[in-house]
PDB file of N, CA and C in Angstrom:
ATOM      1  N   MET A   1     -31.496 -18.926   8.926  1.00  0.00           N
ATOM      2  CA  MET A   1     -30.859 -18.514   7.696  1.00  0.00           C
ATOM      3  C   MET A   1     -30.647 -16.999   7.710  1.00  0.00           C
ATOM      4  N   ARG A   2     -29.460 -16.579   7.336  1.00  0.00           N
ATOM      5  CA  ARG A   2     -29.155 -15.154   7.321  1.00  0.00           C
ATOM      6  C   ARG A   2     -29.707 -14.492   6.082  1.00  0.00           C
ATOM      7  N   LYS A   3     -30.184 -13.288   6.294  1.00  0.00           N
ATOM      8  CA  LYS A   3     -30.718 -12.539   5.171  1.00  0.00           C
ATOM      9  C   LYS A   3     -29.591 -12.000   4.288  1.00  0.00           C
ATOM     10  N   PHE A   4     -28.512 -11.523   4.946  1.00  0.00           N
ATOM     11  CA  PHE A   4     -27.382 -10.981   4.203  1.00  0.00           C
ATOM     12  C   PHE A   4     -26.181 -11.894   4.395  1.00  0.00           C
ATOM     13  N   GLY A   5     -25.530 -12.243   3.294  1.00  0.00           N
ATOM     14  CA  GLY A   5     -24.365 -13.116   3.371  1.00  0.00           C
ATOM     15  C   GLY A   5     -23.183 -12.385   3.988  1.00  0.00           C
ATOM     16  N   GLY A   6     -22.295 -13.133   4.542  1.00  0.00           N
ATOM     17  CA  GLY A   6     -21.117 -12.516   5.131  1.00  0.00           C
ATOM     18  C   GLY A   6     -20.296 -13.542   5.880  1.00  0.00           C
ATOM     19  N   TYR A   7     -19.070 -13.185   6.147  1.00  0.00           N
ATOM     20  CA  TYR A   7     -18.172 -14.081   6.850  1.00  0.00           C
ATOM     21  C   TYR A   7     -17.956 -13.530   8.249  1.00  0.00           C
ATOM     22  N   ARG A   8     -18.267 -14.335   9.271  1.00  0.00           N
ATOM     23  CA  ARG A   8     -18.150 -13.865  10.644  1.00  0.00           C
ATOM     24  C   ARG A   8     -16.978 -14.495  11.381  1.00  0.00           C
ATOM     25  N   GLY A   9     -16.081 -15.154  10.671  1.00  0.00           N
ATOM     26  CA  GLY A   9     -14.928 -15.787  11.304  1.00  0.00           C
ATOM     27  C   GLY A   9     -13.878 -14.768  11.710  1.00  0.00           C
ATOM     28  N   ARG A  10     -12.875 -15.237  12.406  1.00  0.00           N
ATOM     29  CA  ARG A  10     -11.785 -14.354  12.821  1.00  0.00           C
ATOM     30  C   ARG A  10     -10.818 -14.148  11.666  1.00  0.00           C
ATOM     31  N   ARG A  11     -10.469 -12.904  11.447  1.00  0.00           N
ATOM     32  CA  ARG A  11      -9.522 -12.595  10.388  1.00  0.00           C
ATOM     33  C   ARG A  11      -8.128 -12.469  10.969  1.00  0.00           C
ATOM     34  N   ARG A  12      -7.131 -12.747  10.135  1.00  0.00           N
ATOM     35  CA  ARG A  12      -5.758 -12.611  10.561  1.00  0.00           C
ATOM     36  C   ARG A  12      -5.396 -11.137  10.677  1.00  0.00           C
ATOM     37  N   LYS A  13      -4.742 -10.787  11.750  1.00  0.00           N
ATOM     38  CA  LYS A  13      -4.354  -9.391  11.966  1.00  0.00           C
ATOM     39  C   LYS A  13      -3.297  -8.989  10.948  1.00  0.00           C
ATOM     40  N   LYS A  14      -3.502  -7.836  10.311  1.00  0.00           N
ATOM     41  CA  LYS A  14      -2.515  -7.358   9.356  1.00  0.00           C
ATOM     42  C   LYS A  14      -1.325  -6.804  10.123  1.00  0.00           C
ATOM     43  N   VAL A  15      -0.159  -7.034   9.585  1.00  0.00           N
ATOM     44  CA  VAL A  15       1.072  -6.618  10.251  1.00  0.00           C
ATOM     45  C   VAL A  15       1.759  -5.556   9.406  1.00  0.00           C
ATOM     46  N   ASP A  16       2.252  -4.533  10.070  1.00  0.00           N
ATOM     47  CA  ASP A  16       3.019  -3.487   9.403  1.00  0.00           C
ATOM     48  C   ASP A  16       4.349  -4.084   8.952  1.00  0.00           C
ATOM     49  N   ARG A  17       4.602  -4.068   7.646  1.00  0.00           N
ATOM     50  CA  ARG A  17       5.820  -4.676   7.097  1.00  0.00           C
ATOM     51  C   ARG A  17       7.077  -4.003   7.612  1.00  0.00           C
ATOM     52  N   PHE A  18       6.993  -2.697   7.854  1.00  0.00           N
ATOM     53  CA  PHE A  18       8.178  -1.948   8.258  1.00  0.00           C
ATOM     54  C   PHE A  18       8.500  -2.135   9.734  1.00  0.00           C
ATOM     55  N   GLN A  19       7.518  -2.512  10.540  1.00  0.00           N
ATOM     56  CA  GLN A  19       7.794  -2.821  11.941  1.00  0.00           C
ATOM     57  C   GLN A  19       8.230  -4.267  12.106  1.00  0.00           C
ATOM     58  N   ALA A  20       7.730  -5.148  11.245  1.00  0.00           N
ATOM     59  CA  ALA A  20       8.104  -6.558  11.319  1.00  0.00           C
ATOM     60  C   ALA A  20       9.532  -6.784  10.818  1.00  0.00           C
ATOM     61  N   ASP A  21       9.909  -6.100   9.753  1.00  0.00           N
ATOM     62  CA  ASP A  21      11.237  -6.253   9.167  1.00  0.00           C
ATOM     63  C   ASP A  21      11.967  -4.909   9.256  1.00  0.00           C
ATOM     64  N   LYS A  22      12.866  -4.799  10.202  1.00  0.00           N
ATOM     65  CA  LYS A  22      13.553  -3.524  10.452  1.00  0.00           C
ATOM     66  C   LYS A  22      14.540  -3.149   9.347  1.00  0.00           C
ATOM     67  N   THR A  23      14.860  -4.101   8.458  1.00  0.00           N
ATOM     68  CA  THR A  23      15.787  -3.776   7.374  1.00  0.00           C
ATOM     69  C   THR A  23      15.097  -3.003   6.251  1.00  0.00           C
ATOM     70  N   LEU A  24      13.763  -3.084   6.151  1.00  0.00           N
ATOM     71  CA  LEU A  24      13.021  -2.333   5.139  1.00  0.00           C
ATOM     72  C   LEU A  24      12.982  -0.863   5.531  1.00  0.00           C
ATOM     73  N   VAL A  25      13.235  -0.006   4.573  1.00  0.00           N
ATOM     74  CA  VAL A  25      13.225   1.431   4.819  1.00  0.00           C
ATOM     75  C   VAL A  25      12.265   2.082   3.828  1.00  0.00           C
ATOM     76  N   ILE A  26      11.487   3.032   4.313  1.00  0.00           N
ATOM     77  CA  ILE A  26      10.584   3.781   3.434  1.00  0.00           C
ATOM     78  C   ILE A  26      11.408   4.865   2.759  1.00  0.00           C
ATOM     79  N   ASP A  27      11.634   4.697   1.450  1.00  0.00           N
ATOM     80  CA  ASP A  27      12.462   5.640   0.707  1.00  0.00           C
ATOM     81  C   ASP A  27      11.895   5.771  -0.701  1.00  0.00           C
ATOM     82  N   TYR A  28      11.738   6.999  -1.159  1.00  0.00           N
ATOM     83  CA  TYR A  28      11.159   7.215  -2.483  1.00  0.00           C
ATOM     84  C   TYR A  28      12.072   6.708  -3.594  1.00  0.00           C
ATOM     85  N   LYS A  29      13.359   6.535  -3.307  1.00  0.00           N
ATOM     86  CA  LYS A  29      14.300   6.071  -4.335  1.00  0.00           C
ATOM     87  C   LYS A  29      14.268   4.560  -4.520  1.00  0.00           C
ATOM     88  N   ASP A  30      13.420   3.859  -3.772  1.00  0.00           N
ATOM     89  CA  ASP A  30      13.324   2.401  -3.853  1.00  0.00           C
ATOM     90  C   ASP A  30      11.894   1.991  -4.229  1.00  0.00           C
ATOM     91  N   PRO A  31      11.538   2.086  -5.507  1.00  0.00           N
ATOM     92  CA  PRO A  31      10.164   1.769  -5.911  1.00  0.00           C
ATOM     93  C   PRO A  31       9.793   0.301  -5.758  1.00  0.00           C
ATOM     94  N   SER A  32      10.785  -0.588  -5.629  1.00  0.00           N
ATOM     95  CA  SER A  32      10.462  -2.005  -5.462  1.00  0.00           C
ATOM     96  C   SER A  32       9.760  -2.258  -4.134  1.00  0.00           C
ATOM     97  N   VAL A  33      10.055  -1.468  -3.111  1.00  0.00           N
ATOM     98  CA  VAL A  33       9.364  -1.585  -1.822  1.00  0.00           C
ATOM     99  C   VAL A  33       7.998  -0.916  -1.901  1.00  0.00           C
ATOM    100  N   LEU A  34       7.925   0.206  -2.591  1.00  0.00           N
ATOM    101  CA  LEU A  34       6.685   0.989  -2.640  1.00  0.00           C
ATOM    102  C   LEU A  34       5.616   0.362  -3.529  1.00  0.00           C
ATOM    103  N   LYS A  35       6.007  -0.512  -4.463  1.00  0.00           N
ATOM    104  CA  LYS A  35       5.023  -1.059  -5.402  1.00  0.00           C
ATOM    105  C   LYS A  35       3.963  -1.915  -4.715  1.00  0.00           C
ATOM    106  N   TYR A  36       4.259  -2.434  -3.504  1.00  0.00           N
ATOM    107  CA  TYR A  36       3.282  -3.233  -2.778  1.00  0.00           C
ATOM    108  C   TYR A  36       2.141  -2.389  -2.215  1.00  0.00           C
ATOM    109  N   PHE A  37       2.317  -1.090  -2.198  1.00  0.00           N
ATOM    110  CA  PHE A  37       1.316  -0.200  -1.626  1.00  0.00           C
ATOM    111  C   PHE A  37       0.595   0.609  -2.690  1.00  0.00           C
ATOM    112  N   VAL A  38       0.696   0.162  -3.952  1.00  0.00           N
ATOM    113  CA  VAL A  38       0.020   0.812  -5.067  1.00  0.00           C
ATOM    114  C   VAL A  38      -0.723  -0.261  -5.850  1.00  0.00           C
ATOM    115  N   THR A  39      -1.976   0.015  -6.231  1.00  0.00           N
ATOM    116  CA  THR A  39      -2.746  -0.948  -7.012  1.00  0.00           C
ATOM    117  C   THR A  39      -2.224  -0.976  -8.448  1.00  0.00           C
ATOM    118  N   GLU A  40      -2.723  -1.931  -9.228  1.00  0.00           N
ATOM    119  CA  GLU A  40      -2.292  -2.023 -10.623  1.00  0.00           C
ATOM    120  C   GLU A  40      -2.785  -0.828 -11.438  1.00  0.00           C
ATOM    121  N   ARG A  41      -3.801  -0.131 -10.942  1.00  0.00           N
ATOM    122  CA  ARG A  41      -4.287   1.076 -11.614  1.00  0.00           C
ATOM    123  C   ARG A  41      -3.520   2.324 -11.198  1.00  0.00           C
ATOM    124  N   GLY A  42      -2.661   2.202 -10.177  1.00  0.00           N
ATOM    125  CA  GLY A  42      -1.848   3.337  -9.751  1.00  0.00           C
ATOM    126  C   GLY A  42      -2.344   4.034  -8.503  1.00  0.00           C
ATOM    127  N   LYS A  43      -3.391   3.507  -7.879  1.00  0.00           N
ATOM    128  CA  LYS A  43      -3.914   4.133  -6.665  1.00  0.00           C
ATOM    129  C   LYS A  43      -3.138   3.659  -5.439  1.00  0.00           C
ATOM    130  N   ILE A  44      -2.994   4.541  -4.457  1.00  0.00           N
ATOM    131  CA  ILE A  44      -2.318   4.185  -3.215  1.00  0.00           C
ATOM    132  C   ILE A  44      -3.287   3.375  -2.361  1.00  0.00           C
ATOM    133  N   VAL A  45      -2.815   2.237  -1.859  1.00  0.00           N
ATOM    134  CA  VAL A  45      -3.646   1.328  -1.074  1.00  0.00           C
ATOM    135  C   VAL A  45      -3.937   1.965   0.285  1.00  0.00           C
ATOM    136  N   PRO A  46      -5.201   1.942   0.755  1.00  0.00           N
ATOM    137  CA  PRO A  46      -5.516   2.548   2.052  1.00  0.00           C
ATOM    138  C   PRO A  46      -4.943   1.759   3.223  1.00  0.00           C
ATOM    139  N   ARG A  47      -4.882   2.412   4.352  1.00  0.00           N
ATOM    140  CA  ARG A  47      -4.269   1.839   5.541  1.00  0.00           C
ATOM    141  C   ARG A  47      -5.005   0.598   6.027  1.00  0.00           C
ATOM    142  N   ARG A  48      -6.321   0.589   5.930  1.00  0.00           N
ATOM    143  CA  ARG A  48      -7.096  -0.569   6.407  1.00  0.00           C
ATOM    144  C   ARG A  48      -6.823  -1.818   5.572  1.00  0.00           C
ATOM    145  N   VAL A  49      -6.343  -1.627   4.351  1.00  0.00           N
ATOM    146  CA  VAL A  49      -6.010  -2.755   3.479  1.00  0.00           C
ATOM    147  C   VAL A  49      -4.543  -3.150   3.637  1.00  0.00           C
ATOM    148  N   SER A  50      -3.670  -2.143   3.690  1.00  0.00           N
ATOM    149  CA  SER A  50      -2.231  -2.430   3.749  1.00  0.00           C
ATOM    150  C   SER A  50      -1.786  -2.910   5.121  1.00  0.00           C
ATOM    151  N   GLY A  51      -2.477  -2.495   6.180  1.00  0.00           N
ATOM    152  CA  GLY A  51      -2.105  -2.917   7.516  1.00  0.00           C
ATOM    153  C   GLY A  51      -1.005  -2.085   8.146  1.00  0.00           C
ATOM    154  N   LEU A  52      -0.643  -0.978   7.517  1.00  0.00           N
ATOM    155  CA  LEU A  52       0.405  -0.122   8.061  1.00  0.00           C
ATOM    156  C   LEU A  52      -0.112   0.697   9.242  1.00  0.00           C
ATOM    157  N   THR A  53       0.816   1.152  10.074  1.00  0.00           N
ATOM    158  CA  THR A  53       0.431   2.096  11.122  1.00  0.00           C
ATOM    159  C   THR A  53       0.154   3.436  10.453  1.00  0.00           C
ATOM    160  N   ALA A  54      -0.517   4.326  11.162  1.00  0.00           N
ATOM    161  CA  ALA A  54      -0.872   5.627  10.585  1.00  0.00           C
ATOM    162  C   ALA A  54       0.380   6.415  10.202  1.00  0.00           C
ATOM    163  N   LYS A  55       1.386   6.362  11.053  1.00  0.00           N
ATOM    164  CA  LYS A  55       2.631   7.088  10.784  1.00  0.00           C
ATOM    165  C   LYS A  55       3.321   6.544   9.541  1.00  0.00           C
ATOM    166  N   ASN A  56       3.412   5.223   9.437  1.00  0.00           N
ATOM    167  CA  ASN A  56       4.071   4.625   8.275  1.00  0.00           C
ATOM    168  C   ASN A  56       3.249   4.811   7.004  1.00  0.00           C
ATOM    169  N   GLN A  57       1.911   4.832   7.127  1.00  0.00           N
ATOM    170  CA  GLN A  57       1.073   5.071   5.951  1.00  0.00           C
ATOM    171  C   GLN A  57       1.335   6.468   5.398  1.00  0.00           C
ATOM    172  N   ARG A  58       1.469   7.446   6.273  1.00  0.00           N
ATOM    173  CA  ARG A  58       1.771   8.807   5.825  1.00  0.00           C
ATOM    174  C   ARG A  58       3.141   8.859   5.153  1.00  0.00           C
ATOM    175  N   ARG A  59       4.113   8.161   5.714  1.00  0.00           N
ATOM    176  CA  ARG A  59       5.465   8.154   5.145  1.00  0.00           C
ATOM    177  C   ARG A  59       5.490   7.456   3.789  1.00  0.00           C
ATOM    178  N   VAL A  60       4.741   6.343   3.662  1.00  0.00           N
ATOM    179  CA  VAL A  60       4.678   5.614   2.381  1.00  0.00           C
ATOM    180  C   VAL A  60       3.982   6.470   1.327  1.00  0.00           C
ATOM    181  N   THR A  61       2.886   7.126   1.705  1.00  0.00           N
ATOM    182  CA  THR A  61       2.165   7.983   0.766  1.00  0.00           C
ATOM    183  C   THR A  61       3.062   9.099   0.255  1.00  0.00           C
ATOM    184  N   GLN A  62       3.797   9.730   1.153  1.00  0.00           N
ATOM    185  CA  GLN A  62       4.707  10.803   0.756  1.00  0.00           C
ATOM    186  C   GLN A  62       5.808  10.270  -0.155  1.00  0.00           C
ATOM    187  N   ALA A  63       6.332   9.093   0.158  1.00  0.00           N
ATOM    188  CA  ALA A  63       7.387   8.503  -0.667  1.00  0.00           C
ATOM    189  C   ALA A  63       6.874   8.152  -2.060  1.00  0.00           C
ATOM    190  N   ILE A  64       5.645   7.637  -2.147  1.00  0.00           N
ATOM    191  CA  ILE A  64       5.064   7.313  -3.460  1.00  0.00           C
ATOM    192  C   ILE A  64       4.893   8.577  -4.287  1.00  0.00           C
ATOM    193  N   LYS A  65       4.394   9.640  -3.668  1.00  0.00           N
ATOM    194  CA  LYS A  65       4.195  10.895  -4.390  1.00  0.00           C
ATOM    195  C   LYS A  65       5.532  11.470  -4.867  1.00  0.00           C
ATOM    196  N   ARG A  66       6.562  11.359  -4.040  1.00  0.00           N
ATOM    197  CA  ARG A  66       7.882  11.844  -4.444  1.00  0.00           C
ATOM    198  C   ARG A  66       8.456  11.000  -5.573  1.00  0.00           C
ATOM    199  N   ALA A  67       8.267   9.680  -5.500  1.00  0.00           N
ATOM    200  CA  ALA A  67       8.756   8.791  -6.553  1.00  0.00           C
ATOM    201  C   ALA A  67       8.047   9.077  -7.878  1.00  0.00           C
ATOM    202  N   ARG A  68       6.785   9.445  -7.808  1.00  0.00           N
ATOM    203  CA  ARG A  68       6.056   9.801  -9.027  1.00  0.00           C
ATOM    204  C   ARG A  68       6.605  11.089  -9.631  1.00  0.00           C
ATOM    205  N   MET A  69       6.929  12.056  -8.780  1.00  0.00           N
ATOM    206  CA  MET A  69       7.403  13.350  -9.280  1.00  0.00           C
ATOM    207  C   MET A  69       8.760  13.243  -9.973  1.00  0.00           C
ATOM    208  N   VAL A  70       9.603  12.330  -9.522  1.00  0.00           N
ATOM    209  CA  VAL A  70      10.908  12.161 -10.181  1.00  0.00           C
ATOM    210  C   VAL A  70      10.885  11.001 -11.169  1.00  0.00           C
ATOM    211  N   ALA A  71       9.690  10.566 -11.554  1.00  0.00           N
ATOM    212  CA  ALA A  71       9.467   9.572 -12.611  1.00  0.00           C
ATOM    213  C   ALA A  71      10.038   8.200 -12.293  1.00  0.00           C
ATOM    214  N   LEU A  72      10.062   7.816 -11.019  1.00  0.00           N
ATOM    215  CA  LEU A  72      10.458   6.455 -10.656  1.00  0.00           C
ATOM    216  C   LEU A  72       9.256   5.513 -10.625  1.00  0.00           C
ATOM    217  N   MET A  73       8.070   6.104 -10.448  1.00  0.00           N
ATOM    218  CA  MET A  73       6.826   5.327 -10.455  1.00  0.00           C
ATOM    219  C   MET A  73       5.818   6.056 -11.340  1.00  0.00           C
ATOM    220  N   PRO A  74       4.920   5.301 -11.977  1.00  0.00           N
ATOM    221  CA  PRO A  74       3.918   5.955 -12.826  1.00  0.00           C
ATOM    222  C   PRO A  74       2.764   6.526 -11.992  1.00  0.00           C
ATOM    223  N   PHE A  75       2.147   7.590 -12.492  1.00  0.00           N
ATOM    224  CA  PHE A  75       0.954   8.131 -11.854  1.00  0.00           C
ATOM    225  C   PHE A  75      -0.221   7.182 -12.057  1.00  0.00           C
ATOM    226  N   THR A  76      -0.399   6.730 -13.299  1.00  0.00           N
ATOM    227  CA  THR A  76      -1.458   5.776 -13.634  1.00  0.00           C
ATOM    228  C   THR A  76      -0.915   4.800 -14.675  1.00  0.00           C
ATOM    229  N   THR A  77      -1.710   3.774 -14.928  1.00  0.00           N
ATOM    230  CA  THR A  77      -1.368   2.847 -16.003  1.00  0.00           C
ATOM    231  C   THR A  77      -2.214   3.192 -17.217  1.00  0.00           C
ATOM    232  N   VAL A  78      -1.768   2.757 -18.366  1.00  0.00           N
ATOM    233  CA  VAL A  78      -2.502   3.018 -19.600  1.00  0.00           C
ATOM    234  C   VAL A  78      -3.669   2.042 -19.666  1.00  0.00           C
ATOM    235  N   LYS A  79      -4.861   2.576 -19.858  1.00  0.00           N
ATOM    236  CA  LYS A  79      -6.057   1.748 -19.936  1.00  0.00           C
ATOM    237  C   LYS A  79      -6.268   1.303 -21.369  1.00  0.00           C
ATOM    238  N   ALA A  80      -6.283  -0.007 -21.591  1.00  0.00           N
ATOM    239  CA  ALA A  80      -6.471  -0.552 -22.939  1.00  0.00           C
ATOM    240  C   ALA A  80      -7.947  -0.818 -23.180  1.00  0.00           C
ATOM    241  N   HIS A  81      -8.438  -0.415 -24.331  1.00  0.00           N
ATOM    242  CA  HIS A  81      -9.842  -0.655 -24.688  1.00  0.00           C
ATOM    243  C   HIS A  81      -9.950  -1.827 -25.610  1.00  0.00           C
TER     244      HIS A  81
END
């Protein structure tokens, strides 16, 4: 019996969406593509979760920040109490 619970099975390899589908372009003017890389609270999803390459993660992060500055995406969501 294991002392600490955990899953030791094989996980599916995450695939970079922009390398799999060449028609997708990282562009700050297209928030519909960028919304998949932002949590519902407004945080940018890390690379280990999104499965992007390091280069594409940097490009997506920059695009999200630019989209926020020109008010195409929100910085945060309103927290309801």
